[in-house]
């Protein structure tokens, strides 16, 4: 029997079983399953984008639940998938129901929202609620409030040359016009948190790593290493 075969037989089943369970709940970039989920979230985001386009009350305020899909997509398919979902939904939504030329700065803000949310979700805490709230708050403040507001202000002032923006500074525009959008973002975060039990039931969220699991994995790896050293010594003898 070869050395490699002996090592494979000596590998504890508990490590293999644990690894299979973790892999079953994680989506690998580029796989068919990852592409399918990315396409699904993109389609849902487009629907939410179209609803938001219809519920746009002013140039600076709209009612939408698209952030719910974006946060979940970022958690499930990661930064590349999350950024892709946000990009596709923003561009196609603007094409299907046009409200003027596409603002590339807004599109960039949407992509950064998905990418940043995915990295925020990797926060080393043992609570999905904390992960989603942290990702939602960070992205809402950085992009929905600040970056997107600046994108709209620059677009309307320098590209469209609207009179109402020419004599208005960015901070004056930001205050009354965009602050209400944070209320919409807060509702989106609350809806996302409420959906955590469903997402867990569907096994969409990546597993939380517990300290006991990490310790057990280290002990198992050490056990395997000791076995390999013993087998190597026997093989040399």
Protein backbone atom coordinates (compact mmCIF):
# COMPACT_ATOMS: atom_id res chain seq x y z
CA UNK A 1 0.00 0.00 0.00
CA UNK A 2 1.39 3.40 -0.94
CA UNK A 3 2.24 6.16 1.51
CA UNK A 4 -0.46 8.47 0.13
CA UNK A 5 -3.09 5.78 0.46
CA UNK A 6 -2.09 5.16 4.09
CA UNK A 7 -2.39 8.87 4.84
CA UNK A 8 -5.83 9.05 3.23
CA UNK A 9 -7.03 6.09 5.28
CA UNK A 10 -5.60 7.62 8.44
CA UNK A 11 -7.44 10.92 7.93
CA UNK A 12 -10.18 11.17 10.60
CA UNK A 13 -13.73 11.03 9.33
CA UNK A 14 -14.80 13.91 11.58
CA UNK A 15 -12.57 16.35 9.69
CA UNK A 16 -13.82 15.16 6.32
CA UNK A 17 -17.44 15.33 7.46
CA UNK A 18 -17.00 18.81 8.92
CA UNK A 19 -15.32 20.03 5.73
CA UNK A 20 -18.12 18.66 3.57
CA UNK A 21 -20.73 20.40 5.72
CA UNK A 22 -18.93 23.75 5.45
CA UNK A 23 -18.42 23.42 1.71
CA UNK A 24 -22.08 22.52 1.19
CA UNK A 25 -23.12 25.89 2.64
CA UNK A 26 -20.53 27.99 0.80
CA UNK A 27 -20.69 29.10 -2.80
CA UNK A 28 -17.44 28.97 -4.74
CA UNK A 29 -16.80 31.78 -7.21
CA UNK A 30 -17.31 30.76 -10.82
CA UNK A 31 -19.20 27.53 -10.19
CA UNK A 32 -22.57 26.81 -11.79
CA UNK A 33 -24.33 27.22 -8.45
CA UNK A 34 -22.61 30.56 -7.83
CA UNK A 35 -23.62 31.80 -11.30
CA UNK A 36 -27.21 30.62 -10.75
CA UNK A 37 -27.54 32.43 -7.42
CA UNK A 38 -25.91 35.56 -8.81
CA UNK A 39 -28.36 35.57 -11.72
CA UNK A 40 -31.28 34.98 -9.33
CA UNK A 41 -30.31 37.87 -7.07
CA UNK A 42 -29.73 40.10 -10.11
CA UNK A 43 -33.25 39.31 -11.38
CA UNK A 44 -34.79 40.06 -7.96
CA UNK A 45 -32.81 43.28 -7.75
CA UNK A 46 -34.05 44.38 -11.17
CA UNK A 47 -37.63 43.85 -10.01
CA UNK A 48 -36.97 45.94 -6.90
CA UNK A 49 -35.21 48.56 -9.02
CA UNK A 50 -38.23 48.86 -11.32
CA UNK A 51 -40.56 49.21 -8.34
CA UNK A 52 -38.26 51.89 -6.94
CA UNK A 53 -38.25 53.70 -10.28
CA UNK A 54 -42.04 53.82 -10.16
CA UNK A 55 -41.99 55.03 -6.54
CA UNK A 56 -39.44 57.81 -7.10
CA UNK A 57 -41.01 60.82 -5.42
CA UNK A 58 -38.25 63.35 -6.21
CA UNK A 59 -34.86 63.34 -7.92
CA UNK A 60 -33.30 62.62 -4.53
CA UNK A 61 -35.81 60.35 -2.79
CA UNK A 62 -37.36 57.01 -3.68
CA UNK A 63 -39.10 54.20 -1.85
CA UNK A 64 -37.37 50.88 -2.49
CA UNK A 65 -36.45 47.53 -0.95
CA UNK A 66 -33.54 46.88 -3.29
CA UNK A 67 -31.03 47.13 -0.43
CA UNK A 68 -32.55 43.96 1.06
CA UNK A 69 -31.58 41.97 -2.03
CA UNK A 70 -28.18 43.65 -2.25
CA UNK A 71 -27.28 42.83 1.37
CA UNK A 72 -28.40 39.21 1.05
CA UNK A 73 -26.62 38.81 -2.29
CA UNK A 74 -23.39 40.20 -0.82
CA UNK A 75 -23.61 37.74 2.08
CA UNK A 76 -24.35 34.74 -0.14
CA UNK A 77 -22.25 35.21 -3.30
CA UNK A 78 -19.44 37.38 -1.91
CA UNK A 79 -17.89 40.66 -3.07
CA UNK A 80 -17.63 39.86 -6.78
CA UNK A 81 -21.15 38.46 -6.93
CA UNK A 82 -22.54 41.27 -4.78
CA UNK A 83 -20.92 43.92 -6.94
CA UNK A 84 -22.18 42.20 -10.10
CA UNK A 85 -25.75 42.03 -8.80
CA UNK A 86 -25.71 45.73 -7.93
CA UNK A 87 -24.21 46.70 -11.30
CA UNK A 88 -26.65 44.66 -13.38
CA UNK A 89 -29.72 45.80 -11.46
CA UNK A 90 -28.74 49.47 -11.61
CA UNK A 91 -27.95 49.52 -15.34
CA UNK A 92 -30.79 47.31 -16.58
CA UNK A 93 -33.30 49.00 -14.29
CA UNK A 94 -32.33 52.38 -15.72
CA UNK A 95 -32.58 51.00 -19.27
CA UNK A 96 -36.00 49.36 -18.82
CA UNK A 97 -37.56 52.41 -17.14
CA UNK A 98 -35.35 55.34 -18.20
CA UNK A 99 -35.38 58.49 -16.14
CA UNK A 100 -32.73 60.32 -18.12
CA UNK A 101 -29.13 59.34 -18.97
CA UNK A 102 -27.39 56.77 -16.77
CA UNK A 103 -25.20 58.39 -14.13
CA UNK A 104 -21.93 56.36 -14.09
CA UNK A 105 -21.06 57.68 -10.64
CA UNK A 106 -24.29 56.27 -9.24
CA UNK A 107 -23.54 52.94 -10.90
CA UNK A 108 -20.10 52.94 -9.31
CA UNK A 109 -21.70 53.64 -5.93
CA UNK A 110 -24.02 50.67 -6.38
CA UNK A 111 -21.12 48.36 -7.19
CA UNK A 112 -19.16 49.58 -4.17
CA UNK A 113 -22.25 48.99 -2.03
CA UNK A 114 -22.29 45.29 -2.94
CA UNK A 115 -18.54 44.81 -2.60
CA UNK A 116 -18.30 46.63 0.73
CA UNK A 117 -21.33 44.81 2.15
CA UNK A 118 -19.73 41.45 1.35
CA UNK A 119 -16.52 42.38 3.15
CA UNK A 120 -18.47 43.78 6.10
CA UNK A 121 -20.32 40.47 6.36
CA UNK A 122 -16.97 38.75 6.96
CA UNK A 123 -16.79 40.55 10.31
CA UNK A 124 -15.56 37.93 12.85
CA UNK A 125 -18.65 37.92 15.06
CA UNK A 126 -21.03 35.08 15.90
CA UNK A 127 -24.25 36.85 14.97
CA UNK A 128 -25.92 37.22 11.60
CA UNK A 129 -27.90 40.16 12.97
CA UNK A 130 -24.73 42.09 13.83
CA UNK A 131 -23.22 41.26 10.43
CA UNK A 132 -26.25 42.50 8.46
CA UNK A 133 -26.78 45.59 10.62
CA UNK A 134 -23.09 46.52 10.42
CA UNK A 135 -22.99 46.01 6.63
CA UNK A 136 -26.25 47.90 6.17
CA UNK A 137 -25.26 50.89 8.30
CA UNK A 138 -21.78 51.21 6.78
CA UNK A 139 -23.02 50.98 3.19
CA UNK A 140 -26.02 53.23 3.80
CA UNK A 141 -23.88 56.00 5.26
CA UNK A 142 -20.93 55.70 2.87
CA UNK A 143 -22.82 55.16 -0.37
CA UNK A 144 -26.55 55.83 -0.06
CA UNK A 145 -26.05 59.05 1.89
CA UNK A 146 -22.61 60.39 0.96
CA UNK A 147 -21.30 58.90 -2.30
CA UNK A 148 -24.66 58.68 -4.13
CA UNK A 149 -25.63 62.14 -2.97
CA UNK A 150 -22.37 63.54 -4.27
CA UNK A 151 -22.88 61.65 -7.56
CA UNK A 152 -26.36 63.15 -8.01
CA UNK A 153 -25.16 66.64 -7.09
CA UNK A 154 -22.20 66.53 -9.50
CA UNK A 155 -24.33 65.06 -12.29
CA UNK A 156 -27.11 67.62 -11.97
CA UNK A 157 -24.80 70.58 -11.49
CA UNK A 158 -22.05 69.96 -14.04
CA UNK A 159 -23.59 67.60 -16.61
CA UNK A 160 -27.28 68.50 -16.70
CA UNK A 161 -26.55 72.09 -15.56
CA UNK A 162 -29.80 72.39 -13.65
CA UNK A 163 -30.32 75.87 -12.25
CA UNK A 164 -31.51 74.57 -8.90
CA UNK A 165 -28.12 72.90 -8.35
CA UNK A 166 -25.76 75.52 -9.76
CA UNK A 167 -26.07 77.85 -6.80
CA UNK A 168 -26.43 75.08 -4.21
CA UNK A 169 -23.40 73.63 -2.42
CA UNK A 170 -23.13 69.90 -1.83
CA UNK A 171 -23.69 70.18 1.93
CA UNK A 172 -26.78 72.29 1.46
CA UNK A 173 -28.14 69.69 -0.97
CA UNK A 174 -27.21 66.80 1.34
CA UNK A 175 -29.09 67.97 4.41
CA UNK A 176 -32.81 68.17 3.68
CA UNK A 177 -32.83 66.39 0.34
CA UNK A 178 -31.03 63.15 1.09
CA UNK A 179 -31.30 62.57 4.84
CA UNK A 180 -34.74 60.97 4.41
CA UNK A 181 -33.18 58.22 2.27
CA UNK A 182 -31.53 56.89 5.43
CA UNK A 183 -35.01 56.12 6.74
CA UNK A 184 -35.61 53.93 3.70
CA UNK A 185 -32.24 52.25 4.27
CA UNK A 186 -33.16 51.58 7.92
CA UNK A 187 -36.36 49.84 6.80
CA UNK A 188 -34.34 47.73 4.37
CA UNK A 189 -31.94 46.69 7.13
CA UNK A 190 -34.85 45.73 9.40
CA UNK A 191 -36.47 43.65 6.65
CA UNK A 192 -33.14 41.91 5.95
CA UNK A 193 -32.71 41.01 9.62
CA UNK A 194 -36.27 39.68 9.73
CA UNK A 195 -35.43 37.35 6.84
CA UNK A 196 -32.49 35.68 8.61
CA UNK A 197 -34.55 32.65 9.81
CA UNK A 198 -35.74 32.03 6.25
CA UNK A 199 -32.21 32.35 4.87
CA UNK A 200 -30.96 29.87 7.47
CA UNK A 201 -33.77 27.46 6.63
CA UNK A 202 -32.76 27.67 2.97
CA UNK A 203 -29.08 27.20 3.97
CA UNK A 204 -28.03 30.28 2.04
CA UNK A 205 -25.90 32.01 4.66
CA UNK A 206 -22.30 30.89 5.21
CA UNK A 207 -21.83 29.09 8.54
CA UNK A 208 -20.62 30.98 11.58
CA UNK A 209 -17.29 29.74 12.89
CA UNK A 210 -17.46 29.00 16.60
CA UNK A 211 -14.41 29.06 18.81
CA UNK A 212 -15.00 25.44 19.85
CA UNK A 213 -15.15 24.37 16.20
CA UNK A 214 -11.91 26.17 15.41
CA UNK A 215 -10.20 24.58 18.42
CA UNK A 216 -11.45 21.12 17.45
CA UNK A 217 -10.21 21.63 13.91
CA UNK A 218 -6.75 22.63 15.15
CA UNK A 219 -6.62 19.57 17.39
CA UNK A 220 -7.66 17.33 14.51
CA UNK A 221 -5.00 18.82 12.24
CA UNK A 222 -2.39 18.28 14.92
CA UNK A 223 -3.54 14.68 15.29
CA UNK A 224 -3.20 14.16 11.52
CA UNK A 225 0.26 15.71 11.57
CA UNK A 226 1.35 13.38 14.36
CA UNK A 227 0.01 10.38 12.48
CA UNK A 228 1.84 11.42 9.32
CA UNK A 229 5.11 11.81 11.22
CA UNK A 230 4.67 8.37 12.73
CA UNK A 231 3.91 6.83 9.33
CA UNK A 232 6.91 8.57 7.78
CA UNK A 233 9.17 7.20 10.50
CA UNK A 234 7.79 3.67 9.94
CA UNK A 235 8.19 4.04 6.18
CA UNK A 236 11.83 5.07 6.54
CA UNK A 237 12.51 2.14 8.88
